[in-house]
């Protein structure tokens, strides 16, 4: 037993309502991805528009037809907005308004004037354009989840193109004053495709939301909330899974940080930590892993770097922090940092040994007056390159004979 066209419209409306509820509940659970709200509104409007159209199909009241189609087109504009907000994080209210108003105007004018055939053609053309533009927006952002977004794009394209035969059949017939709602193979095909793709689009959109949530949880678990750098656990995980061969490790420790908190207040201390995190992140943009190990202690791991390279980079970080000025309860102040540098051999990285050597060098830097870099090595010629630098470009870099055997 086959379903009639009215039953298919009702099924689409009910499916849309169920999907809208699912999206809204998904948003309530996390309240992070706001595109779910736009999707909820879009699908709700589409379901309501289809219900009003089903009523129009029974009464052929032009006002009902214009209302139903306007709500349906507004729903499609919200679906477009959800796609843009998913990609950019910003809901394009202006574009959505222009899209909804323009498409509704070219449809409602002929509908209210009695040319409902023209109105339905314009509806199908507008729906095709909106859905294809939505598909393009997702396609632009496919790098986030290539397979899922590619499938989502295909479903939007298929849905949009399913409206084309509906317009083509009416244009071929040349009937502009319809006494009954269109009922032909194109309309059946369109509503059948829409029913199928609605479920697929909904499932893929929810899957994308779950991927983002999982990625966000992973990022939160690996990231220091104050500085945005990796935390200690994440650094160890990256070393185990991504880093091979020799590497240099720099351990930084803020000088007299407790005094900063006591004299200038903890918010000022947080400002210093955030600023240092930014300096560290910028210093290793192209290579290396920056992490906050805890408190005022930071680490910079540089794969493939020599001790000399790491020492020069560490001294640059030290210099940039010393030039920054902060404001606290007791006025303006500056902050300095000490650093210890160590390097692994050619084999796999032994982080514990690297950390031990870098810590020993750091303690030596603290003992020697702070605001300086110390390098852990037994090679007395190691720092020849840094000593040959102009005095204005070289900070206090000490050689510390603390290399573990």
Protein backbone atom coordinates (compact mmCIF):
# COMPACT_ATOMS: atom_id res chain seq x y z
CA UNK A 1 0.00 0.00 0.00
CA UNK A 2 1.47 3.31 -1.10
CA UNK A 3 1.11 6.55 0.84
CA UNK A 4 -0.66 9.48 -0.81
CA UNK A 5 0.99 12.87 -1.19
CA UNK A 6 -0.81 14.36 1.83
CA UNK A 7 0.40 11.50 4.03
CA UNK A 8 3.97 12.06 2.83
CA UNK A 9 3.72 15.74 3.74
CA UNK A 10 2.46 14.82 7.18
CA UNK A 11 5.27 12.30 7.62
CA UNK A 12 7.83 14.97 6.67
CA UNK A 13 6.32 17.42 9.17
CA UNK A 14 6.37 14.85 11.98
CA UNK A 15 9.93 13.81 11.15
CA UNK A 16 10.96 17.45 11.19
CA UNK A 17 9.36 18.01 14.59
CA UNK A 18 11.13 14.96 16.03
CA UNK A 19 14.45 16.09 14.60
CA UNK A 20 13.97 19.62 15.95
CA UNK A 21 13.36 18.23 19.43
CA UNK A 22 16.47 16.06 19.13
CA UNK A 23 18.62 19.04 18.13
CA UNK A 24 17.26 21.18 20.94
CA UNK A 25 17.89 18.49 23.54
CA UNK A 26 21.42 18.03 22.16
CA UNK A 27 22.02 21.75 22.63
CA UNK A 28 20.62 21.64 26.18
CA UNK A 29 23.10 18.90 27.11
CA UNK A 30 26.23 20.88 26.26
CA UNK A 31 25.14 24.44 25.38
CA UNK A 32 28.32 24.94 23.40
CA UNK A 33 27.41 24.60 19.71
CA UNK A 34 24.88 27.35 19.03
CA UNK A 35 24.34 26.23 15.45
CA UNK A 36 22.05 23.57 16.94
CA UNK A 37 19.60 26.31 17.93
CA UNK A 38 19.52 27.66 14.37
CA UNK A 39 19.03 24.11 13.11
CA UNK A 40 16.19 23.58 15.61
CA UNK A 41 14.43 26.74 14.44
CA UNK A 42 15.03 25.91 10.79
CA UNK A 43 13.60 22.40 10.96
CA UNK A 44 10.69 23.60 13.12
CA UNK A 45 9.78 26.29 10.60
CA UNK A 46 10.06 23.81 7.75
CA UNK A 47 7.77 21.34 9.52
CA UNK A 48 5.24 24.07 10.27
CA UNK A 49 5.43 25.36 6.71
CA UNK A 50 4.78 21.90 5.30
CA UNK A 51 1.76 21.43 7.61
CA UNK A 52 0.30 24.77 6.47
CA UNK A 53 0.97 23.81 2.84
CA UNK A 54 -0.89 20.54 3.40
CA UNK A 55 -3.83 22.62 4.63
CA UNK A 56 -3.47 24.90 1.61
CA UNK A 57 -3.55 21.85 -0.68
CA UNK A 58 -7.03 21.09 0.67
CA UNK A 59 -8.43 24.63 0.60
CA UNK A 60 -6.33 26.36 -2.13
CA UNK A 61 -6.54 29.57 -0.08
CA UNK A 62 -3.85 31.95 -1.49
CA UNK A 63 -3.21 33.45 1.95
CA UNK A 64 -2.54 30.01 3.42
CA UNK A 65 -0.27 29.16 0.50
CA UNK A 66 1.74 32.36 0.89
CA UNK A 67 2.00 31.85 4.67
CA UNK A 68 3.07 28.22 4.42
CA UNK A 69 5.68 28.89 1.77
CA UNK A 70 7.04 31.93 3.62
CA UNK A 71 7.51 29.89 6.80
CA UNK A 72 9.10 27.05 4.78
CA UNK A 73 11.56 29.43 3.07
CA UNK A 74 12.36 31.06 6.42
CA UNK A 75 13.14 27.59 7.77
CA UNK A 76 15.51 26.96 4.87
CA UNK A 77 17.19 30.30 5.59
CA UNK A 78 17.74 29.19 9.20
CA UNK A 79 19.20 25.89 7.98
CA UNK A 80 21.60 27.90 5.80
CA UNK A 81 22.43 30.06 8.83
CA UNK A 82 23.12 26.95 10.91
CA UNK A 83 25.62 25.75 8.32
CA UNK A 84 27.40 29.10 8.27
CA UNK A 85 27.45 29.29 12.06
CA UNK A 86 28.84 25.76 12.22
CA UNK A 87 31.72 26.81 9.99
CA UNK A 88 32.44 30.32 11.29
CA UNK A 89 30.84 30.47 14.74
CA UNK A 90 28.74 33.48 13.66
CA UNK A 91 25.06 33.35 12.73
CA UNK A 92 24.62 35.44 9.53
CA UNK A 93 21.41 37.20 10.50
CA UNK A 94 21.62 39.76 7.69
CA UNK A 95 22.18 37.16 4.96
CA UNK A 96 19.42 35.00 6.40
CA UNK A 97 16.98 37.91 6.48
CA UNK A 98 17.78 38.90 2.89
CA UNK A 99 17.45 35.29 1.78
CA UNK A 100 14.11 34.77 3.53
CA UNK A 101 12.56 38.11 2.54
CA UNK A 102 13.70 38.02 -1.10
CA UNK A 103 12.61 34.43 -1.72
CA UNK A 104 9.28 34.95 0.08
CA UNK A 105 8.57 38.15 -1.86
CA UNK A 106 9.04 36.59 -5.32
CA UNK A 107 6.78 33.74 -4.23
CA UNK A 108 4.07 35.57 -2.25
CA UNK A 109 3.37 38.21 -4.91
CA UNK A 110 2.20 35.77 -7.59
CA UNK A 111 0.49 33.56 -4.99
CA UNK A 112 -1.67 36.38 -3.63
CA UNK A 113 -2.38 37.61 -7.17
CA UNK A 114 -3.83 34.23 -8.09
CA UNK A 115 -0.86 32.92 -10.07
CA UNK A 116 -0.16 30.03 -7.76
CA UNK A 117 1.60 28.07 -10.52
CA UNK A 118 4.19 30.85 -10.82
CA UNK A 119 4.47 30.99 -7.01
CA UNK A 120 5.21 27.27 -6.77
CA UNK A 121 7.83 27.52 -9.51
CA UNK A 122 9.51 30.39 -7.63
CA UNK A 123 9.37 28.38 -4.39
CA UNK A 124 11.13 25.43 -5.99
CA UNK A 125 13.81 27.63 -7.55
CA UNK A 126 14.41 29.47 -4.24
CA UNK A 127 14.60 26.20 -2.29
CA UNK A 128 17.13 24.84 -4.78
CA UNK A 129 19.33 27.93 -4.52
CA UNK A 130 19.23 28.08 -0.71
CA UNK A 131 20.07 24.38 -0.31
CA UNK A 132 22.92 24.54 -2.83
CA UNK A 133 24.37 27.61 -1.10
CA UNK A 134 24.12 25.72 2.21
CA UNK A 135 25.91 22.75 0.65
CA UNK A 136 28.69 25.04 -0.57
CA UNK A 137 29.13 26.50 2.92
CA UNK A 138 29.62 23.05 4.39
CA UNK A 139 31.97 22.08 1.56
CA UNK A 140 34.23 25.05 2.32
CA UNK A 141 34.63 23.79 5.89
CA UNK A 142 35.12 20.10 4.99
CA UNK A 143 38.67 20.04 6.40
CA UNK A 144 37.24 19.69 9.92
CA UNK A 145 35.75 16.25 9.19
CA UNK A 146 36.23 15.39 5.54
CA UNK A 147 34.11 12.25 5.20
CA UNK A 148 31.18 13.41 7.34
CA UNK A 149 30.99 16.90 5.82
CA UNK A 150 31.41 15.53 2.29
CA UNK A 151 28.44 13.21 2.84
CA UNK A 152 26.48 16.09 4.36
CA UNK A 153 27.26 18.26 1.34
CA UNK A 154 26.09 15.54 -1.02
CA UNK A 155 22.79 15.20 0.84
CA UNK A 156 22.18 18.95 0.67
CA UNK A 157 22.95 18.95 -3.06
CA UNK A 158 20.64 16.00 -3.71
CA UNK A 159 17.87 17.63 -1.68
CA UNK A 160 18.27 20.93 -3.50
CA UNK A 161 18.29 19.33 -6.94
CA UNK A 162 15.12 17.37 -6.10
CA UNK A 163 13.17 20.65 -6.33
CA UNK A 164 14.30 21.24 -9.93
CA UNK A 165 11.97 18.64 -11.58
CA UNK A 166 9.01 20.13 -9.70
CA UNK A 167 9.67 23.52 -11.27
CA UNK A 168 10.46 21.98 -14.67
CA UNK A 169 7.17 20.05 -14.84
CA UNK A 170 5.13 23.17 -14.06
CA UNK A 171 7.09 25.27 -16.55
CA UNK A 172 6.57 22.63 -19.24
CA UNK A 173 2.84 22.48 -18.53
CA UNK A 174 2.56 26.27 -18.61
CA UNK A 175 -0.32 26.29 -16.10
CA UNK A 176 -0.14 29.41 -13.93
CA UNK A 177 -3.62 29.24 -12.36
CA UNK A 178 -3.84 25.90 -10.58
CA UNK A 179 -7.16 24.65 -9.19
CA UNK A 180 -5.40 21.97 -7.13
CA UNK A 181 -1.97 21.48 -5.63
CA UNK A 182 0.53 19.88 -8.05
CA UNK A 183 0.42 16.08 -7.91
CA UNK A 184 2.86 14.34 -10.24
CA UNK A 185 5.95 12.15 -10.28
CA UNK A 186 8.22 15.15 -9.61
CA UNK A 187 6.36 16.12 -6.45
CA UNK A 188 6.39 12.52 -5.20
CA UNK A 189 10.09 12.24 -5.95
CA UNK A 190 10.80 15.52 -4.17
CA UNK A 191 8.97 14.68 -0.96
CA UNK A 192 10.43 11.15 -0.95
CA UNK A 193 13.99 12.49 -1.28
CA UNK A 194 13.34 15.17 1.34
CA UNK A 195 12.06 12.57 3.79
CA UNK A 196 15.14 10.41 3.24
CA UNK A 197 17.74 13.14 3.27
CA UNK A 198 16.21 14.90 6.28
CA UNK A 199 17.04 11.90 8.43
CA UNK A 200 20.53 11.62 6.94
CA UNK A 201 21.28 15.33 7.30
CA UNK A 202 20.05 15.26 10.88
CA UNK A 203 22.14 12.22 11.79
CA UNK A 204 25.31 13.65 10.20
CA UNK A 205 24.79 17.05 11.81
CA UNK A 206 24.43 15.42 15.22
CA UNK A 207 27.53 13.33 14.50
CA UNK A 208 29.49 16.50 13.70
CA UNK A 209 28.31 18.00 16.97
CA UNK A 210 29.51 14.92 18.86
CA UNK A 211 32.88 15.08 17.10
CA UNK A 212 33.25 18.69 18.18
CA UNK A 213 32.26 17.89 21.73
CA UNK A 214 34.76 15.02 21.90
CA UNK A 215 37.47 17.22 20.41
CA UNK A 216 36.62 19.95 22.91
CA UNK A 217 36.81 17.54 25.85
CA UNK A 218 40.17 16.26 24.60
CA UNK A 219 41.44 19.82 24.20
CA UNK A 220 40.27 20.74 27.69
CA UNK A 221 41.97 17.66 29.14
CA UNK A 222 45.26 18.53 27.42
CA UNK A 223 45.29 22.30 27.80
CA UNK A 224 46.23 24.57 30.66
CA UNK A 225 43.16 26.80 31.11
CA UNK A 226 45.10 29.94 32.07
CA UNK A 227 47.73 30.06 29.32
CA UNK A 228 46.26 27.84 26.61
CA UNK A 229 49.47 25.82 26.46
CA UNK A 230 49.72 22.05 26.78
CA UNK A 231 49.65 20.65 30.30
CA UNK A 232 52.23 18.19 31.64
CA UNK A 233 50.19 15.09 30.79
CA UNK A 234 49.62 16.26 27.22
CA UNK A 235 53.31 17.04 26.76
CA UNK A 236 54.28 13.55 27.90
CA UNK A 237 51.66 12.05 25.59
CA UNK A 238 52.93 14.00 22.59
CA UNK A 239 56.52 12.99 23.32
CA UNK A 240 55.54 9.33 23.48
CA UNK A 241 53.49 9.37 20.27
CA UNK A 242 54.98 12.05 18.03
CA UNK A 243 58.63 12.81 18.88
CA UNK A 244 61.51 10.64 17.74
CA UNK A 245 65.26 11.14 17.82
CA UNK A 246 67.21 13.94 19.51
CA UNK A 247 65.50 16.89 21.13
CA UNK A 248 66.33 19.79 23.43
CA UNK A 249 64.29 20.64 26.50
CA UNK A 250 64.08 24.05 28.15
CA UNK A 251 62.57 24.43 31.61
CA UNK A 252 61.52 27.95 32.60
CA UNK A 253 60.70 29.15 36.10
CA UNK A 254 59.42 32.64 36.91
CA UNK A 255 61.72 34.57 39.25
CA UNK A 256 60.28 35.68 42.63
CA UNK A 257 56.77 34.80 41.49
CA UNK A 258 55.44 34.47 45.03
CA UNK A 259 56.50 38.07 45.66
CA UNK A 260 54.54 39.19 42.60
CA UNK A 261 51.41 37.51 43.93
CA UNK A 262 51.94 38.88 47.46
CA UNK A 263 52.75 42.45 46.43
CA UNK A 264 50.72 42.98 43.26
CA UNK A 265 47.91 40.44 43.72
CA UNK A 266 47.06 37.11 42.14
CA UNK A 267 45.28 38.67 39.11
CA UNK A 268 48.55 40.43 38.26
CA UNK A 269 50.38 37.13 38.69
CA UNK A 270 47.93 35.51 36.29
CA UNK A 271 48.61 38.30 33.79
CA UNK A 272 52.32 37.51 33.96
CA UNK A 273 51.69 33.80 33.40
CA UNK A 274 49.36 34.48 30.46
CA UNK A 275 51.87 36.89 28.90
CA UNK A 276 54.68 34.38 29.28
CA UNK A 277 52.48 31.67 27.76
CA UNK A 278 51.92 33.91 24.71
CA UNK A 279 55.65 34.58 24.37
CA UNK A 280 56.42 30.88 24.62
CA UNK A 281 53.74 29.92 22.10
CA UNK A 282 54.98 32.51 19.59
CA UNK A 283 58.56 31.34 20.06
CA UNK A 284 57.74 27.79 18.93
CA UNK A 285 55.11 28.43 16.28
CA UNK A 286 56.94 26.52 13.56
CA UNK A 287 58.51 23.85 15.76
CA UNK A 288 58.43 22.57 19.28
CA UNK A 289 55.90 21.94 22.02
CA UNK A 290 55.22 24.50 24.73
CA UNK A 291 53.64 23.43 28.03
CA UNK A 292 52.88 24.68 31.50
CA UNK A 293 54.15 22.03 33.89
CA UNK A 294 52.43 23.58 36.89
CA UNK A 295 52.49 26.75 38.95
CA UNK A 296 55.07 29.12 37.46
CA UNK A 297 57.07 26.38 35.71
CA UNK A 298 56.99 25.96 31.93
CA UNK A 299 58.65 23.67 29.38
CA UNK A 300 59.64 24.01 25.75
CA UNK A 301 60.55 20.82 23.86
CA UNK A 302 62.42 21.37 20.58
CA UNK A 303 62.72 18.23 18.39
CA UNK A 304 66.00 18.04 16.51
CA UNK A 305 67.40 21.20 18.13
CA UNK A 306 70.95 21.46 19.46
CA UNK A 307 71.81 22.83 22.87
CA UNK A 308 73.13 26.02 21.28
CA UNK A 309 69.91 26.57 19.30
CA UNK A 310 67.77 25.87 22.36
CA UNK A 311 69.89 28.16 24.56
CA UNK A 312 69.61 31.05 22.08
CA UNK A 313 65.86 30.56 21.78
CA UNK A 314 65.48 30.38 25.57
CA UNK A 315 67.47 33.59 25.95
CA UNK A 316 65.19 35.28 23.43
CA UNK A 317 62.16 34.23 25.47
CA UNK A 318 63.83 35.54 28.65
CA UNK A 319 64.58 38.89 26.99
CA UNK A 320 61.06 39.37 25.65
CA UNK A 321 59.52 38.78 29.06
CA UNK A 322 61.94 41.19 30.74
CA UNK A 323 60.76 43.94 28.35
CA UNK A 324 57.10 43.52 29.27
CA UNK A 325 55.48 45.75 31.88
CA UNK A 326 52.53 44.80 34.07
CA UNK A 327 50.22 46.61 36.47
CA UNK A 328 49.12 45.37 39.90
CA UNK A 329 47.95 46.58 43.28
CA UNK A 330 51.26 48.36 43.90
CA UNK A 331 51.65 49.92 40.46
CA UNK A 332 53.71 49.00 37.42
CA UNK A 333 56.24 46.18 37.59
CA UNK A 334 58.25 43.82 35.40
CA UNK A 335 59.05 40.14 35.69
CA UNK A 336 61.96 37.89 34.78
CA UNK A 337 62.45 34.20 34.18
CA UNK A 338 65.30 31.72 34.57
CA UNK A 339 65.82 28.74 32.26
CA UNK A 340 67.65 25.43 32.20
CA UNK A 341 68.49 23.64 28.94
CA UNK A 342 69.33 20.00 28.26
CA UNK A 343 69.55 17.79 25.18
CA UNK A 344 68.91 14.12 24.48
CA UNK A 345 71.14 11.80 22.45
CA UNK A 346 70.40 10.32 19.05
CA UNK A 347 68.18 7.59 20.45
CA UNK A 348 64.59 7.78 21.69
CA UNK A 349 63.83 10.57 24.10
CA UNK A 350 64.15 9.82 27.80
CA UNK A 351 61.98 12.60 29.16
CA UNK A 352 62.83 11.88 32.80
CA UNK A 353 66.56 12.25 32.08
CA UNK A 354 65.98 15.36 29.99
CA UNK A 355 63.87 16.88 32.75
CA UNK A 356 66.42 16.01 35.42
CA UNK A 357 69.27 17.65 33.52
CA UNK A 358 67.21 20.71 32.62
CA UNK A 359 66.10 21.08 36.26
CA UNK A 360 69.70 20.89 37.45
CA UNK A 361 70.67 23.61 34.99
CA UNK A 362 67.67 25.68 36.08
CA UNK A 363 68.71 25.48 39.75
CA UNK A 364 72.18 26.63 38.73
CA UNK A 365 70.68 29.60 36.87
CA UNK A 366 68.74 30.51 40.01
CA UNK A 367 71.88 30.26 42.16
CA UNK A 368 73.89 32.39 39.75
CA UNK A 369 71.56 35.36 40.02
CA UNK A 370 68.33 34.51 38.16
CA UNK A 371 67.15 36.14 34.89
CA UNK A 372 69.54 33.93 32.95
CA UNK A 373 69.84 30.69 30.95
CA UNK A 374 71.98 27.74 32.04
CA UNK A 375 72.92 24.78 29.83
CA UNK A 376 73.61 21.30 31.17
CA UNK A 377 76.61 19.75 29.38
CA UNK A 378 80.15 18.42 29.82
CA UNK A 379 81.31 20.02 26.54
CA UNK A 380 83.30 23.18 27.36
CA UNK A 381 83.29 24.24 23.69
CA UNK A 382 79.53 23.95 23.42
CA UNK A 383 78.69 27.63 23.75
CA UNK A 384 81.32 28.97 21.38
CA UNK A 385 78.62 30.02 18.95
CA UNK A 386 76.76 32.02 21.56
CA UNK A 387 79.93 33.63 22.87
CA UNK A 388 80.74 34.84 19.36
CA UNK A 389 77.43 36.71 19.15
CA UNK A 390 77.51 40.48 19.63
CA UNK A 391 77.18 41.47 23.28
CA UNK A 392 73.93 43.29 22.56
CA UNK A 393 72.36 40.08 21.28
CA UNK A 394 73.63 37.68 23.93
CA UNK A 395 72.20 37.38 27.39
CA UNK A 396 73.69 35.54 30.36
CA UNK A 397 74.02 31.93 29.17
CA UNK A 398 75.95 29.71 31.57
CA UNK A 399 77.54 26.32 30.96
CA UNK A 400 76.77 23.96 33.82
CA UNK A 401 78.73 20.69 34.24
CA UNK A 402 75.76 18.71 35.42
CA UNK A 403 75.20 16.26 32.58
CA UNK A 404 74.02 12.93 33.97
CA UNK A 405 76.12 9.92 33.15
